[in-house]
Each structure stands twice: as C-alpha cells, then as structure tokens.
Amino acid sequence: MRKLIVPLVLVPMLLLAVSALIPGSAFAAAHPQHHPPHFFVRNSPAAGGNLRYYGGPVMTGTANVYAIFWEPGNNVESGYNSLIQRYFGDVNGTGLYHNNTQYTQSGGGYPSAEHLVASWVDTRSYVETPLLDSDIQNEVSHAQSVNGWSSSIHNVFFVFLGRNENLCFDSSYSQCASNYFCAYHSYFGSNTIYAAMPYAASFSCNPGGPLPNNNDADLTINVTSHEQMEAATDPLLNAWYDLYGNEIGDKCAWIFGTRSSNGGDVTWNGDSYLVQKEWDNRVSGCVLSGP
C-alpha cells in the first residue's frame, strides 16, 4: 500500500480544522491540573524503612506560609483561626521543624525555617457540596488574585474549610474527608503548592483525650503539622518518601509524645500543642525533635 504523504504546508491548516471540531470544554479540562495528591489517611503508621531521595526539590531555606480560611458564615469554633495562626508562629525554630534539615536536595539546600506571611478569610459561599480538589485549586488562585500573592517553590498555601464541609478529590466521591482522608497536599501548574485542610473535628480525625487549647483547632493543628512537614520535604511529590511512597508524616501518623495533663505533647513559646511525631532518618524512628 502506498503511504499518503501530506505536504508540510498543509499541516497547520489540517490542525486548525481538527481543533475547530473539538469542543472548547475538552481544552478547559486541562485546567486545573490534577497531580495525584498525597493523602493523610486515617490509619496506622506506615512501614517501609527510611525515606529515600528521588531527585526533586525541597522547600529550601525559609518556607512562606499563606493561610486561606474559606469559611462562609464563619462556621468555625471561636478562636479557631487565631490558634492555627499562632501555631504557624510558634513552630518556627522548634526541634520538630529542625528535623527537616536532614532532607536535602541535589546541589545542597534543605528546609530550615518557616513563617506565616499572611492570612485571609474568604466568606464566599462554597461553589458545590461536597467540594472537589478543583475547587480548592481555584480558591488558591482566587486568593492569589485578590491579595497579590504569587507561586513559588518556597510558598505553600493552606486552605482551611469550615465545620462539616466535605471535600472529595474528584466527582467519583471515592476519596473524601468523610470516608478516606484527614487532609492532603499537592501542587498545580509548575510550583503552586497547597494543602487542603477540612475541619478535622467534623471527620473523625481525633487523637482523643484532653486537648491543650480545648478547641477544635487542636485537631486541625495536628493535621496541619503533618501536611506542613510533608510539603517542606516533598513539595512537588518527587523528593523524599520511602519505598512505598510514604512521606515524613505518614510514617509517624497518630504517634505522639508523652502527653501532659492538658493533652499537649509539646510547648513552644509557652503555648501547648498536640502534634504527631515525624520520621528521622538518622535514628530510623519517629521524633518530636531532630535530627
């Protein structure tokens, strides 16, 4: 059979003709991007040996944290937002964050510090229920547009949701806050790093016992700590994780230090928190301070 040869000059015309036949929604589906997120699931700590390096970047130096509180009707416990903001102020300089310094990237550089750059409360109604990952990504982009924030490998955007607001990864509803995860982190574009943070007290993400600040924020702060350390050491999901894909927080999920009478296991700047341990490759175990 003879091959049909199309003159090069006709190729652009053919491409234009084909594109005209494709619905615009087919192109729109490419945004937002759905990189498989890293879920913090409700189960026991993960096995798999030490974390391994897979060549991707980490959040070197100081990570810039942006807190987005998407809370129509202010449907959160009083003090919820301020306690989460206080956590971001207190965790910097702690042994828990210092544990990240052992996880370096190619050419050097490691996560050494963090600070809360800005917070913003969005009272707009939720666009659907349950929310989807695409809605979280759009909320990050909206917050950036409103506040003049930009994306960077050094910036991470936490999206905190209100009480009882369910979140699912996609419209299959198979991976949701109500049936699968407590939170997750991921990215879209080339370097827009974000963490999706459902209201932990609404979705069985509870370590039990007394809580150091007697507030729903205590539960979310523990989950926030998990996602923050993972984003710092594996922001684009191609840096540090173990043989089975478990990140620094997964390997110590729901493992806490000795709890005081008020329920906390750490005290930073005079403030008490309950936060899980994180994996330390130096000792091949879970720690609250390292390396």
Protein backbone atom coordinates (compact mmCIF):
# COMPACT_ATOMS: atom_id res chain seq x y z
CA MET A 1 0.00 0.00 0.00
CA ARG A 2 1.33 3.43 -0.83
CA LYS A 3 1.81 5.88 2.00
CA LEU A 4 -0.23 9.06 1.96
CA ILE A 5 2.19 11.97 2.15
CA VAL A 6 0.76 15.30 3.30
CA PRO A 7 2.75 18.33 2.20
CA LEU A 8 4.14 20.24 5.20
CA VAL A 9 2.43 23.42 4.11
CA LEU A 10 -0.96 21.74 4.67
CA VAL A 11 -0.22 20.52 8.24
CA PRO A 12 -1.09 23.80 10.03
CA MET A 13 -4.34 24.00 8.03
CA LEU A 14 -5.24 20.43 9.00
CA LEU A 15 -4.53 21.12 12.68
CA LEU A 16 -6.75 24.19 12.62
CA ALA A 17 -9.53 22.21 11.00
CA VAL A 18 -9.31 19.43 13.59
CA SER A 19 -9.23 21.86 16.51
CA ALA A 20 -12.35 23.56 15.24
CA LEU A 21 -14.21 20.25 15.59
CA ILE A 22 -13.17 19.69 19.24
CA PRO A 23 -15.44 21.24 21.91
CA GLY A 24 -13.89 24.02 23.95
CA SER A 25 -14.57 22.06 27.13
CA ALA A 26 -12.01 19.47 26.04
CA PHE A 27 -9.30 22.11 26.36
CA ALA A 28 -10.73 23.58 29.56
CA ALA A 29 -10.48 20.17 31.22
CA ALA A 30 -6.71 20.52 31.24
CA HIS A 31 -7.06 23.18 33.95
CA PRO A 32 -6.91 22.88 36.86
CA GLN A 33 -4.29 20.15 36.84
CA HIS A 34 -4.84 17.04 38.92
CA HIS A 35 -1.49 15.77 40.10
CA PRO A 36 -2.34 12.85 42.38
CA PRO A 37 -2.25 14.41 45.86
CA HIS A 38 -0.59 12.89 48.87
CA PHE A 39 -3.39 11.95 51.26
CA PHE A 40 -3.14 11.83 55.04
CA VAL A 41 -5.36 8.79 55.53
CA ARG A 42 -6.94 7.60 58.73
CA ASN A 43 -4.90 4.53 59.52
CA SER A 44 -1.88 3.37 61.47
CA PRO A 45 1.71 4.50 60.87
CA ALA A 46 3.28 3.28 57.63
CA ALA A 47 6.17 0.83 57.33
CA GLY A 48 8.80 0.94 54.60
CA GLY A 49 12.19 1.84 56.06
CA ASN A 50 13.92 5.19 55.83
CA LEU A 51 12.91 7.94 53.45
CA ARG A 52 14.71 7.90 50.10
CA TYR A 53 15.57 10.81 47.84
CA TYR A 54 14.08 10.80 44.34
CA GLY A 55 15.71 13.91 42.91
CA GLY A 56 13.04 16.61 43.28
CA PRO A 57 13.31 19.95 45.10
CA VAL A 58 12.57 20.62 48.76
CA MET A 59 11.47 23.93 50.27
CA THR A 60 14.97 25.20 50.99
CA GLY A 61 15.61 27.95 53.50
CA THR A 62 12.52 29.65 54.85
CA ALA A 63 9.12 28.45 53.66
CA ASN A 64 6.46 31.12 53.24
CA VAL A 65 3.09 30.05 54.62
CA TYR A 66 -0.20 31.56 53.44
CA ALA A 67 -3.35 30.65 55.39
CA ILE A 68 -6.64 30.82 53.49
CA PHE A 69 -9.70 30.42 55.73
CA TRP A 70 -12.60 29.65 53.37
CA GLU A 71 -15.42 29.98 55.89
CA PRO A 72 -18.87 31.06 54.69
CA GLY A 73 -20.93 32.14 57.69
CA ASN A 74 -17.89 31.94 59.96
CA ASN A 75 -18.84 28.34 60.71
CA VAL A 76 -15.86 27.55 62.95
CA GLU A 77 -15.36 27.49 66.71
CA SER A 78 -14.44 30.80 68.29
CA GLY A 79 -10.65 31.16 68.35
CA TYR A 80 -10.15 28.52 65.65
CA ASN A 81 -8.35 30.74 63.14
CA SER A 82 -6.21 32.56 65.68
CA LEU A 83 -4.96 29.31 67.22
CA ILE A 84 -3.92 27.99 63.80
CA GLN A 85 -2.15 31.27 63.09
CA ARG A 86 -0.41 31.04 66.47
CA TYR A 87 0.78 27.53 65.62
CA PHE A 88 2.45 28.80 62.43
CA GLY A 89 4.18 31.45 64.53
CA ASP A 90 5.34 29.03 67.20
CA VAL A 91 6.54 26.05 65.13
CA ASN A 92 9.39 28.02 63.55
CA GLY A 93 12.69 27.33 65.30
CA THR A 94 11.44 24.19 67.02
CA GLY A 95 13.12 20.81 67.04
CA LEU A 96 10.18 19.44 65.09
CA TYR A 97 10.80 21.75 62.14
CA HIS A 98 14.57 21.36 62.52
CA ASN A 99 14.12 17.65 61.85
CA ASN A 100 13.51 18.63 58.20
CA THR A 101 17.10 19.88 57.79
CA GLN A 102 18.45 16.37 57.13
CA TYR A 103 16.37 16.13 53.93
CA THR A 104 18.49 17.94 51.37
CA GLN A 105 18.07 18.40 47.65
CA SER A 106 20.50 17.92 44.77
CA GLY A 107 23.23 20.56 44.95
CA GLY A 108 22.54 21.26 48.61
CA GLY A 109 19.86 23.18 50.43
CA TYR A 110 17.29 21.99 52.97
CA PRO A 111 14.16 23.20 54.78
CA SER A 112 15.38 25.24 57.74
CA ALA A 113 12.59 27.63 58.76
CA GLU A 114 9.05 28.80 58.06
CA HIS A 115 6.90 31.81 58.76
CA LEU A 116 3.31 32.87 58.29
CA VAL A 117 3.41 35.59 55.65
CA ALA A 118 -0.31 36.36 55.52
CA SER A 119 -3.81 35.11 56.30
CA TRP A 120 -7.08 35.79 54.54
CA VAL A 121 -10.68 34.93 55.35
CA ASP A 122 -12.95 34.26 52.38
CA THR A 123 -16.66 34.33 53.23
CA ARG A 124 -17.87 33.47 49.72
CA SER A 125 -20.31 30.57 49.57
CA TYR A 126 -18.96 27.19 48.61
CA VAL A 127 -19.45 26.54 44.92
CA GLU A 128 -20.72 22.99 45.50
CA THR A 129 -21.06 20.35 48.18
CA PRO A 130 -19.01 18.35 48.55
CA LEU A 131 -16.16 20.48 47.33
CA LEU A 132 -13.70 18.96 44.86
CA ASP A 133 -9.95 19.33 44.53
CA SER A 134 -10.53 21.59 41.53
CA ASP A 135 -12.45 23.96 43.83
CA ILE A 136 -9.53 24.07 46.26
CA GLN A 137 -7.13 24.88 43.44
CA ASN A 138 -9.46 27.61 42.19
CA GLU A 139 -9.68 29.04 45.72
CA VAL A 140 -5.89 29.25 45.89
CA SER A 141 -5.82 31.07 42.55
CA HIS A 142 -8.61 33.38 43.72
CA ALA A 143 -6.76 34.22 46.94
CA GLN A 144 -3.62 34.92 44.97
CA SER A 145 -5.51 37.27 42.65
CA VAL A 146 -7.23 39.16 45.47
CA ASN A 147 -4.15 39.51 47.66
CA GLY A 148 -1.35 39.76 45.12
CA TRP A 149 0.27 36.52 46.26
CA SER A 150 2.45 34.53 43.91
CA SER A 151 3.51 30.92 43.44
CA SER A 152 7.00 29.69 44.26
CA ILE A 153 8.75 26.53 45.39
CA HIS A 154 9.16 28.43 48.68
CA ASN A 155 5.44 29.26 49.10
CA VAL A 156 2.74 26.95 50.44
CA PHE A 157 -0.98 27.78 50.57
CA PHE A 158 -3.13 26.14 53.24
CA VAL A 159 -6.88 26.18 52.53
CA PHE A 160 -8.88 25.68 55.75
CA LEU A 161 -12.55 24.81 55.42
CA GLY A 162 -15.47 25.35 57.76
CA ARG A 163 -17.25 22.91 60.03
CA ASN A 164 -18.92 19.91 58.32
CA GLU A 165 -17.86 20.91 54.80
CA ASN A 166 -16.95 17.71 52.99
CA LEU A 167 -14.17 17.62 50.41
CA CYS A 168 -13.58 14.94 47.77
CA PHE A 169 -10.69 14.64 45.38
CA ASP A 170 -12.95 14.29 42.35
CA SER A 171 -16.54 13.65 41.34
CA SER A 172 -16.24 9.90 41.91
CA TYR A 173 -16.53 10.74 45.65
CA SER A 174 -14.36 7.74 46.49
CA GLN A 175 -11.67 9.73 48.31
CA CYS A 176 -13.28 12.25 50.63
CA ALA A 177 -12.83 13.76 54.08
CA SER A 178 -15.96 11.87 55.06
CA ASN A 179 -14.66 8.44 54.07
CA TYR A 180 -10.92 8.43 53.46
CA PHE A 181 -8.56 11.28 54.40
CA CYS A 182 -7.94 13.95 57.01
CA ALA A 183 -6.07 16.30 54.66
CA TYR A 184 -3.71 16.27 51.71
CA HIS A 185 -1.05 18.30 49.94
CA SER A 186 -0.29 18.62 46.25
CA TYR A 187 0.55 21.23 43.62
CA PHE A 188 -0.73 22.55 40.31
CA GLY A 189 0.95 24.39 37.49
CA SER A 190 4.70 24.16 37.89
CA ASN A 191 5.02 25.27 41.51
CA THR A 192 1.74 26.25 43.18
CA ILE A 193 1.99 24.18 46.36
CA TYR A 194 -1.11 23.82 48.50
CA ALA A 195 -2.65 21.83 51.32
CA ALA A 196 -6.37 21.08 51.60
CA MET A 197 -7.48 21.22 55.22
CA PRO A 198 -11.01 20.05 56.10
CA TYR A 199 -12.33 20.81 59.59
CA ALA A 200 -10.71 17.88 61.37
CA ALA A 201 -13.22 17.73 64.24
CA SER A 202 -16.00 17.04 61.73
CA PHE A 203 -14.35 13.99 60.15
CA SER A 204 -13.07 11.61 62.85
CA CYS A 205 -9.50 12.96 62.75
CA ASN A 206 -9.30 12.98 66.52
CA PRO A 207 -6.36 11.79 68.64
CA GLY A 208 -8.62 11.51 71.68
CA GLY A 209 -8.04 12.63 75.23
CA PRO A 210 -7.97 16.18 76.54
CA LEU A 211 -6.94 18.91 74.11
CA PRO A 212 -4.34 21.51 75.11
CA ASN A 213 -6.36 24.52 73.96
CA ASN A 214 -9.80 22.93 74.39
CA ASN A 215 -10.68 23.95 70.84
CA ASP A 216 -11.46 22.25 67.54
CA ALA A 217 -8.30 23.93 66.25
CA ASP A 218 -6.21 21.45 68.27
CA LEU A 219 -7.30 18.65 65.94
CA THR A 220 -6.65 20.69 62.82
CA ILE A 221 -3.26 21.85 64.09
CA ASN A 222 -2.06 18.25 64.41
CA VAL A 223 -3.15 17.56 60.82
CA THR A 224 -1.63 20.87 59.70
CA SER A 225 1.70 19.90 61.22
CA HIS A 226 1.62 16.62 59.29
CA GLU A 227 0.98 18.40 55.98
CA GLN A 228 3.47 21.20 56.63
CA MET A 229 6.41 18.86 57.20
CA GLU A 230 5.48 16.78 54.16
CA ALA A 231 5.17 19.83 51.93
CA ALA A 232 8.56 21.09 53.13
CA THR A 233 10.35 17.83 52.31
CA ASP A 234 8.32 16.72 49.28
CA PRO A 235 6.63 19.80 47.75
CA LEU A 236 6.30 18.51 44.19
CA LEU A 237 5.81 14.88 45.25
CA ASN A 238 9.16 13.81 43.81
CA ALA A 239 11.67 14.36 46.63
CA TRP A 240 11.61 12.42 49.92
CA TYR A 241 9.46 9.36 50.61
CA ASP A 242 10.02 5.71 51.39
CA LEU A 243 9.94 2.62 49.21
CA TYR A 244 6.15 2.52 49.34
CA GLY A 245 5.51 6.22 48.80
CA ASN A 246 5.07 7.16 52.47
CA GLU A 247 6.30 10.64 53.39
CA ILE A 248 7.83 12.01 56.58
CA GLY A 249 4.47 12.41 58.32
CA ASP A 250 2.84 9.18 57.15
CA LYS A 251 5.46 7.06 58.85
CA CYS A 252 4.56 8.54 62.24
CA ALA A 253 0.85 9.21 61.78
CA TRP A 254 -1.01 9.29 65.11
CA ILE A 255 2.19 8.71 67.11
CA PHE A 256 2.52 11.35 69.80
CA GLY A 257 4.96 12.17 72.55
CA THR A 258 4.18 11.92 76.25
CA ARG A 259 1.06 13.99 76.82
CA SER A 260 0.80 16.40 79.70
CA SER A 261 -2.27 16.73 81.88
CA ASN A 262 -3.73 19.26 79.44
CA GLY A 263 -3.30 16.87 76.49
CA GLY A 264 -0.35 18.54 74.77
CA ASP A 265 2.94 16.86 73.91
CA VAL A 266 4.99 20.00 73.06
CA THR A 267 5.25 23.51 74.45
CA TRP A 268 6.62 26.24 72.19
CA ASN A 269 6.92 29.85 73.31
CA GLY A 270 4.80 28.97 76.31
CA ASP A 271 1.99 27.60 74.12
CA SER A 272 0.93 23.95 74.29
CA TYR A 273 0.07 21.81 71.26
CA LEU A 274 -0.63 18.20 70.40
CA VAL A 275 1.33 17.32 67.26
CA GLN A 276 2.37 13.96 65.88
CA LYS A 277 5.98 12.91 65.57
CA GLU A 278 7.87 12.98 62.26
CA TRP A 279 10.31 10.50 60.73
CA ASP A 280 14.02 10.94 61.44
CA ASN A 281 16.31 9.04 59.05
CA ARG A 282 19.23 9.45 61.46
CA VAL A 283 17.58 7.24 64.09
CA SER A 284 15.16 5.41 61.78
CA GLY A 285 12.29 6.36 64.01
CA CYS A 286 9.70 8.96 64.95
CA VAL A 287 10.76 12.08 66.86
CA LEU A 288 9.43 15.42 68.10
CA SER A 289 12.89 16.97 67.76
CA GLY A 290 15.70 16.14 65.37
CA PRO A 291 17.94 15.30 63.76
